[in-house]
Protein backbone atom coordinates (compact mmCIF):
# COMPACT_ATOMS: atom_id res chain seq x y z
CA MET A 1 20.95 -18.47 -2.25
CA GLN A 2 18.21 -19.18 0.26
CA ASN A 3 14.64 -19.71 -0.75
CA ILE A 4 12.65 -16.85 0.81
CA ARG A 5 8.98 -16.24 0.04
CA GLY A 6 6.78 -13.42 1.23
CA THR A 7 3.46 -11.63 1.06
CA LEU A 8 2.71 -7.95 1.61
CA ILE A 9 -0.86 -6.56 1.73
CA LEU A 10 -1.87 -2.93 2.24
CA ALA A 11 -5.16 -2.51 4.15
CA ASP A 12 -7.25 -0.29 6.38
CA GLN A 13 -7.24 -2.82 9.23
CA VAL A 14 -5.02 -5.77 10.08
CA TYR A 15 -5.24 -7.64 13.35
CA ARG A 16 -4.90 -11.07 14.91
CA THR A 17 -7.80 -12.71 16.71
CA ARG A 18 -7.61 -14.69 19.95
CA ASP A 19 -7.91 -17.84 17.82
CA ASP A 20 -4.69 -16.93 15.95
CA LYS A 21 -6.56 -15.97 12.78
CA TRP A 22 -5.47 -12.88 10.81
CA VAL A 23 -8.15 -10.41 9.73
CA ILE A 24 -7.28 -8.16 6.77
CA ALA A 25 -9.99 -5.63 5.88
CA GLY A 26 -10.17 -2.86 3.32
CA THR A 27 -7.40 -3.80 0.90
CA TYR A 28 -6.62 -1.45 -1.95
CA ASN A 29 -4.01 -0.41 -4.49
CA SER A 30 -5.36 2.97 -5.58
CA TRP A 31 -6.72 6.10 -3.96
CA SER A 32 -8.50 8.99 -5.70
CA THR A 33 -9.22 12.39 -4.14
CA PRO A 34 -10.44 15.81 -5.30
CA GLY A 35 -8.51 17.55 -2.51
CA LYS A 36 -5.22 19.43 -2.56
CA ARG A 37 -3.57 16.98 -0.20
CA LEU A 38 -4.07 13.47 1.06
CA GLN A 39 -3.30 12.76 4.70
CA ILE A 40 -3.13 9.08 5.52
CA HIS A 41 -3.08 8.21 9.20
CA GLY A 42 -0.96 5.10 9.14
CA PHE A 43 -1.21 2.44 6.49
CA ARG A 44 -1.77 -1.03 7.91
CA VAL A 45 0.38 -3.72 6.37
CA TYR A 46 0.08 -7.49 6.72
CA LEU A 47 3.19 -9.46 5.94
CA ARG A 48 4.14 -13.12 5.90
CA ILE A 49 7.66 -14.43 5.41
CA GLN A 50 8.58 -18.07 4.94
CA VAL A 51 12.11 -19.45 4.62
CA ASP A 52 13.78 -22.82 4.18
CA THR A 53 16.44 -22.20 6.84
CA PRO A 54 15.47 -21.03 10.36
CA GLY A 55 17.14 -17.88 11.65
CA ILE A 56 16.76 -14.19 12.30
CA TYR A 57 16.20 -12.28 9.07
CA PRO A 58 16.74 -8.52 8.70
CA CYS A 59 13.73 -6.95 6.97
CA ARG A 60 12.86 -3.60 5.43
CA VAL A 61 9.49 -2.23 4.35
CA LEU A 62 9.92 0.70 1.98
CA LEU A 63 7.40 3.13 0.51
CA ILE A 64 8.91 4.49 -2.68
CA ASP A 65 7.82 6.87 -5.43
CA ARG A 66 8.16 4.89 -8.68
CA ILE A 67 8.24 8.05 -10.80
CA MET A 68 11.36 9.38 -9.06
CA PRO A 69 14.88 8.12 -9.94
CA PRO A 70 16.05 5.10 -7.92
CA THR A 71 18.65 7.27 -6.16
CA VAL A 72 15.91 9.24 -4.35
CA PRO A 73 15.47 7.94 -0.77
CA PRO A 74 12.24 6.12 0.17
CA ILE A 75 9.28 8.18 1.39
CA GLN A 76 9.08 5.89 4.42
CA GLU A 77 11.16 2.99 5.70
CA LEU A 78 10.73 0.50 8.54
CA GLN A 79 13.42 -1.95 9.60
CA PHE A 80 12.95 -4.95 11.87
CA ASP A 81 14.20 -8.50 12.42
CA ALA A 82 11.99 -11.51 11.68
CA PRO A 83 12.78 -14.50 13.92
CA ILE A 84 11.77 -17.65 12.04
CA ALA A 85 12.13 -20.86 14.04
CA SER A 86 10.88 -23.35 11.46
CA PRO A 87 10.33 -23.57 7.70
CA LEU A 88 6.87 -24.95 8.54
CA SER A 89 5.87 -21.87 10.56
CA PRO A 90 6.02 -18.54 8.70
CA PHE A 91 6.65 -15.21 10.36
CA GLU A 92 3.47 -13.11 10.25
CA ALA A 93 3.05 -9.53 11.44
CA ALA A 94 0.86 -6.46 11.24
CA LEU A 95 2.66 -3.16 10.82
CA CYS A 96 1.44 0.40 10.97
CA LEU A 97 3.41 2.82 8.81
CA PRO A 98 3.88 6.40 10.04
CA GLU A 99 1.42 9.11 8.99
CA LEU A 100 1.88 10.22 5.41
CA GLU A 101 0.90 13.50 3.74
CA VAL A 102 0.94 13.74 -0.05
CA LYS A 103 0.43 17.16 -1.63
CA CYS A 104 -0.71 17.81 -5.19
CA PRO A 105 1.37 20.41 -7.04
CA VAL A 106 -1.78 21.81 -8.72
CA ALA A 107 -4.68 23.38 -6.79
CA PRO A 108 -8.04 21.59 -7.23
CA THR A 109 -9.64 24.50 -9.14
CA LYS A 110 -6.64 24.70 -11.53
CA ARG A 111 -6.89 21.04 -12.58
CA GLN A 112 -8.35 20.17 -15.96
CA ARG A 113 -11.50 18.06 -15.97
CA GLY A 114 -10.82 14.50 -17.02
CA ARG A 115 -7.02 14.92 -16.59
CA PRO A 116 -6.05 13.64 -13.15
CA ILE A 117 -2.61 14.12 -11.65
CA GLY A 118 -1.18 10.92 -10.29
CA MET A 119 1.55 9.40 -8.19
CA ALA A 120 2.81 5.84 -8.54
CA LEU A 121 3.95 4.56 -5.16
CA THR A 122 5.04 1.04 -4.25
CA LEU A 123 5.27 -0.60 -0.87
CA TRP A 124 8.24 -2.98 -0.97
CA LEU A 125 9.33 -5.85 1.31
CA GLN A 126 13.00 -6.80 1.45
CA VAL A 127 14.20 -9.78 3.50
CA GLY A 128 17.89 -10.49 3.95
CA GLY A 129 18.67 -7.89 1.26
CA GLU A 130 16.40 -9.56 -1.32
CA ASP A 131 13.26 -8.04 -2.84
CA ILE A 132 10.49 -10.45 -1.81
CA ALA A 133 7.10 -8.79 -2.34
CA SER A 134 5.55 -5.49 -3.39
CA GLN A 135 2.19 -3.72 -3.38
CA PRO A 136 1.41 -0.84 -5.77
CA LEU A 137 -0.40 2.26 -4.53
CA SER A 138 -1.60 4.79 -7.10
CA ILE A 139 -2.73 8.15 -5.72
CA THR A 140 -4.78 10.29 -8.09
CA PHE A 141 -5.72 13.92 -7.58
CA ARG A 142 -8.75 14.61 -9.77
CA HIS A 143 -10.78 17.72 -10.62
CA PRO A 144 -13.45 18.26 -7.90
CA LYS A 145 -16.27 17.74 -10.45
CA ASP A 146 -14.83 14.49 -11.87
CA ALA A 147 -16.29 11.25 -10.53
CA PRO A 148 -13.97 8.98 -8.55
CA TYR A 149 -12.54 6.05 -10.51
CA GLY A 150 -14.90 3.13 -10.58
CA ILE A 151 -17.97 5.32 -9.93
CA SER A 152 -19.87 6.17 -13.07
CA ASN A 153 -22.81 7.96 -11.44
CA PRO A 154 -22.66 11.09 -9.30
CA PRO A 155 -23.48 10.60 -5.61
CA ASN A 156 -27.23 10.37 -4.74
CA GLU A 157 -28.24 9.33 -8.27
CA PRO A 158 -29.58 5.82 -8.89
CA ALA A 159 -27.50 3.54 -11.03
CA ALA A 160 -28.83 2.84 -14.50
CA PRO A 161 -29.32 -0.81 -15.45
CA LYS A 162 -26.59 -2.24 -17.67
CA ASP A 163 -27.31 -4.06 -20.89
CA GLY A 164 -25.72 -7.29 -21.11
């Protein structure tokens, strides 16, 4: 078996500068919304693949619903080949996944306060048929009056000092 290593990062922006530096901005692994649907206009994905043996490696990036049985097809799938000329020079790329719409089965006004409805998605990188890297993405549909996760104060209210 070959030694294949990889990285997969989900972000708002991924691009390469003229100086060959990668910029990855707005990384996340969860998304919370009070709406009835979430429309995402193309996830940006940074990936890096490094191998011990040069060659052309078939790759797949899959977006799967972890709650569904494994026999259910991926929500999205991209396939491409990664040409890797040297073990000292990894393959790096920025991908844009197709637009995604996720609908909540319960209308916002019918949701119970403090009881969000969630989805557990995972972005998966396979190289040469092997699972190499993954990135979780939790999508939570909350009651419109519930605060987003990580925000303890309603908007436009000053934060209270913490004891500590």
